[in-house]
Amino acid sequence: MGPSPSWAGIAADDRFHAVPIAAADNPVLSRIVEQLHPQIHRILYRTFSTLLGGRNTIEHHDQLVDVCAGGDALAAAELSAQHWSELGGHIKQLFDTNQFTEDALA
């Protein structure tokens, strides 16, 4: 049995974000991301599994690839900021609706 769509989405998200992290060639950034991975995965699993952010995330990533391929650093920075802001709103909604309680995560 293969991974659930939620875990497949998270694996794809990991691969996507590994590209700029590797390009940054910043060992501190790499270490911070590695340390936060368990928490990030927990949040992303809830986000993708409830479809709060899965579709938006894919669309944001597609747009980001396009502007990066075009060499537009300013647009890439703006899209990244928008993406993280929206994801932050989804995470806040999960906390506000108690979806991070032990029962909800079981």
C-alpha atoms as a PDB file:
ATOM      1  CA  MET A   1       0.000   0.000   0.000  1.00  0.00           C
ATOM      2  CA  GLY A   2       1.440   3.359  -1.058  1.00  0.00           C
ATOM      3  CA  PRO A   3       1.489   6.575   0.924  1.00  0.00           C
ATOM      4  CA  SER A   4      -1.762   8.458   1.462  1.00  0.00           C
ATOM      5  CA  PRO A   5      -2.327  11.503  -0.749  1.00  0.00           C
ATOM      6  CA  SER A   6      -1.553  13.688   2.255  1.00  0.00           C
ATOM      7  CA  TRP A   7       1.872  12.133   2.819  1.00  0.00           C
ATOM      8  CA  ALA A   8       2.552  12.147  -0.932  1.00  0.00           C
ATOM      9  CA  GLY A   9       1.797  15.883  -0.913  1.00  0.00           C
ATOM     10  CA  ILE A  10       4.120  16.439   2.013  1.00  0.00           C
ATOM     11  CA  ALA A  11       6.900  14.460   0.323  1.00  0.00           C
ATOM     12  CA  ALA A  12       6.467  16.585  -2.814  1.00  0.00           C
ATOM     13  CA  ASP A  13       6.510  19.733  -0.665  1.00  0.00           C
ATOM     14  CA  ASP A  14       9.756  18.570   0.969  1.00  0.00           C
ATOM     15  CA  ARG A  15      11.355  18.016  -2.440  1.00  0.00           C
ATOM     16  CA  PHE A  16      10.174  21.429  -3.641  1.00  0.00           C
ATOM     17  CA  HIS A  17      11.555  23.274  -0.626  1.00  0.00           C
ATOM     18  CA  ALA A  18      14.827  21.328  -0.689  1.00  0.00           C
ATOM     19  CA  VAL A  19      15.790  23.125  -3.918  1.00  0.00           C
ATOM     20  CA  PRO A  20      16.033  26.708  -2.561  1.00  0.00           C
ATOM     21  CA  ILE A  21      17.432  25.451   0.746  1.00  0.00           C
ATOM     22  CA  ALA A  22      20.229  23.678  -1.124  1.00  0.00           C
ATOM     23  CA  ALA A  23      20.739  26.705  -3.404  1.00  0.00           C
ATOM     24  CA  ALA A  24      21.067  28.971  -0.353  1.00  0.00           C
ATOM     25  CA  ASP A  25      24.005  26.812   0.757  1.00  0.00           C
ATOM     26  CA  ASN A  26      23.451  28.031   4.309  1.00  0.00           C
ATOM     27  CA  PRO A  27      24.244  25.393   6.951  1.00  0.00           C
ATOM     28  CA  VAL A  28      22.373  27.327   9.664  1.00  0.00           C
ATOM     29  CA  LEU A  29      19.207  27.463   7.557  1.00  0.00           C
ATOM     30  CA  SER A  30      19.549  23.764   6.707  1.00  0.00           C
ATOM     31  CA  ARG A  31      19.967  22.850  10.384  1.00  0.00           C
ATOM     32  CA  ILE A  32      16.957  24.952  11.465  1.00  0.00           C
ATOM     33  CA  VAL A  33      14.721  23.412   8.805  1.00  0.00           C
ATOM     34  CA  GLU A  34      15.905  19.917   9.750  1.00  0.00           C
ATOM     35  CA  GLN A  35      15.140  20.564  13.432  1.00  0.00           C
ATOM     36  CA  LEU A  36      11.671  21.904  12.620  1.00  0.00           C
ATOM     37  CA  HIS A  37      10.724  19.129  10.178  1.00  0.00           C
ATOM     38  CA  PRO A  38       8.636  17.052  12.644  1.00  0.00           C
ATOM     39  CA  GLN A  39       6.538  20.079  13.606  1.00  0.00           C
ATOM     40  CA  ILE A  40       6.282  21.273  10.002  1.00  0.00           C
ATOM     41  CA  HIS A  41       5.134  17.827   8.885  1.00  0.00           C
ATOM     42  CA  ARG A  42       2.480  17.708  11.589  1.00  0.00           C
ATOM     43  CA  ILE A  43       1.127  21.082  10.503  1.00  0.00           C
ATOM     44  CA  LEU A  44       1.313  20.253   6.794  1.00  0.00           C
ATOM     45  CA  TYR A  45      -0.381  16.904   7.291  1.00  0.00           C
ATOM     46  CA  ARG A  46      -3.315  18.642   8.975  1.00  0.00           C
ATOM     47  CA  THR A  47      -3.331  21.344   6.291  1.00  0.00           C
ATOM     48  CA  PHE A  48      -3.243  18.928   3.348  1.00  0.00           C
ATOM     49  CA  SER A  49      -5.609  16.400   4.933  1.00  0.00           C
ATOM     50  CA  THR A  50      -8.260  19.041   5.593  1.00  0.00           C
ATOM     51  CA  LEU A  51      -7.669  20.624   2.178  1.00  0.00           C
ATOM     52  CA  LEU A  52      -7.214  24.000   3.832  1.00  0.00           C
ATOM     53  CA  GLY A  53      -3.989  24.646   2.005  1.00  0.00           C
ATOM     54  CA  GLY A  54      -3.219  21.775  -0.353  1.00  0.00           C
ATOM     55  CA  ARG A  55      -4.603  23.267  -3.572  1.00  0.00           C
ATOM     56  CA  ASN A  56      -3.366  26.782  -2.769  1.00  0.00           C
ATOM     57  CA  THR A  57       0.078  25.392  -2.004  1.00  0.00           C
ATOM     58  CA  ILE A  58       0.308  23.688  -5.387  1.00  0.00           C
ATOM     59  CA  GLU A  59      -0.818  26.844  -7.196  1.00  0.00           C
ATOM     60  CA  HIS A  60       1.650  28.989  -5.236  1.00  0.00           C
ATOM     61  CA  HIS A  61       4.485  26.603  -6.031  1.00  0.00           C
ATOM     62  CA  ASP A  62       3.610  26.606  -9.746  1.00  0.00           C
ATOM     63  CA  GLN A  63       3.631  30.410  -9.787  1.00  0.00           C
ATOM     64  CA  LEU A  64       6.904  30.504  -7.870  1.00  0.00           C
ATOM     65  CA  VAL A  65       8.580  28.136 -10.327  1.00  0.00           C
ATOM     66  CA  ASP A  66       7.419  30.353 -13.210  1.00  0.00           C
ATOM     67  CA  VAL A  67       8.788  33.593 -11.731  1.00  0.00           C
ATOM     68  CA  CYS A  68      12.043  31.915 -10.702  1.00  0.00           C
ATOM     69  CA  ALA A  69      12.473  30.492 -14.204  1.00  0.00           C
ATOM     70  CA  GLY A  70      11.959  34.031 -15.501  1.00  0.00           C
ATOM     71  CA  GLY A  71      14.608  35.360 -13.114  1.00  0.00           C
ATOM     72  CA  ASP A  72      12.203  37.705 -11.306  1.00  0.00           C
ATOM     73  CA  ALA A  73      13.607  37.747  -7.764  1.00  0.00           C
ATOM     74  CA  LEU A  74      11.237  40.461  -6.527  1.00  0.00           C
ATOM     75  CA  ALA A  75       8.143  38.561  -7.710  1.00  0.00           C
ATOM     76  CA  ALA A  76       9.556  35.371  -6.147  1.00  0.00           C
ATOM     77  CA  ALA A  77      10.022  37.136  -2.811  1.00  0.00           C
ATOM     78  CA  GLU A  78       6.506  38.594  -2.949  1.00  0.00           C
ATOM     79  CA  LEU A  79       4.922  35.232  -3.832  1.00  0.00           C
ATOM     80  CA  SER A  80       6.874  33.518  -1.059  1.00  0.00           C
ATOM     81  CA  ALA A  81       5.720  36.093   1.477  1.00  0.00           C
ATOM     82  CA  GLN A  82       2.105  35.697   0.316  1.00  0.00           C
ATOM     83  CA  HIS A  83       2.373  31.896   0.503  1.00  0.00           C
ATOM     84  CA  TRP A  84       3.738  31.912   4.051  1.00  0.00           C
ATOM     85  CA  SER A  85       1.168  34.487   5.136  1.00  0.00           C
ATOM     86  CA  GLU A  86      -1.698  32.339   3.839  1.00  0.00           C
ATOM     87  CA  LEU A  87      -0.219  29.193   5.362  1.00  0.00           C
ATOM     88  CA  GLY A  88       0.098  31.055   8.662  1.00  0.00           C
ATOM     89  CA  GLY A  89      -3.600  31.877   8.476  1.00  0.00           C
ATOM     90  CA  HIS A  90      -4.439  28.209   7.896  1.00  0.00           C
ATOM     91  CA  ILE A  91      -2.282  27.184  10.848  1.00  0.00           C
ATOM     92  CA  LYS A  92      -3.982  29.793  13.042  1.00  0.00           C
ATOM     93  CA  GLN A  93      -7.367  28.394  11.996  1.00  0.00           C
ATOM     94  CA  LEU A  94      -6.234  24.890  12.972  1.00  0.00           C
ATOM     95  CA  PHE A  95      -5.161  26.145  16.404  1.00  0.00           C
ATOM     96  CA  ASP A  96      -8.327  28.232  16.827  1.00  0.00           C
ATOM     97  CA  THR A  97     -10.492  25.173  16.143  1.00  0.00           C
ATOM     98  CA  ASN A  98      -8.436  22.986  18.506  1.00  0.00           C
ATOM     99  CA  GLN A  99      -7.252  20.707  15.710  1.00  0.00           C
ATOM    100  CA  PHE A 100      -3.840  20.384  17.354  1.00  0.00           C
ATOM    101  CA  THR A 101      -5.102  18.797  20.559  1.00  0.00           C
ATOM    102  CA  GLU A 102      -3.858  15.286  21.331  1.00  0.00           C
ATOM    103  CA  ASP A 103      -7.286  13.849  20.426  1.00  0.00           C
ATOM    104  CA  ALA A 104      -7.351  15.633  17.067  1.00  0.00           C
ATOM    105  CA  LEU A 105      -3.867  14.408  16.181  1.00  0.00           C
ATOM    106  CA  ALA A 106      -4.540  10.775  17.099  1.00  0.00           C
END
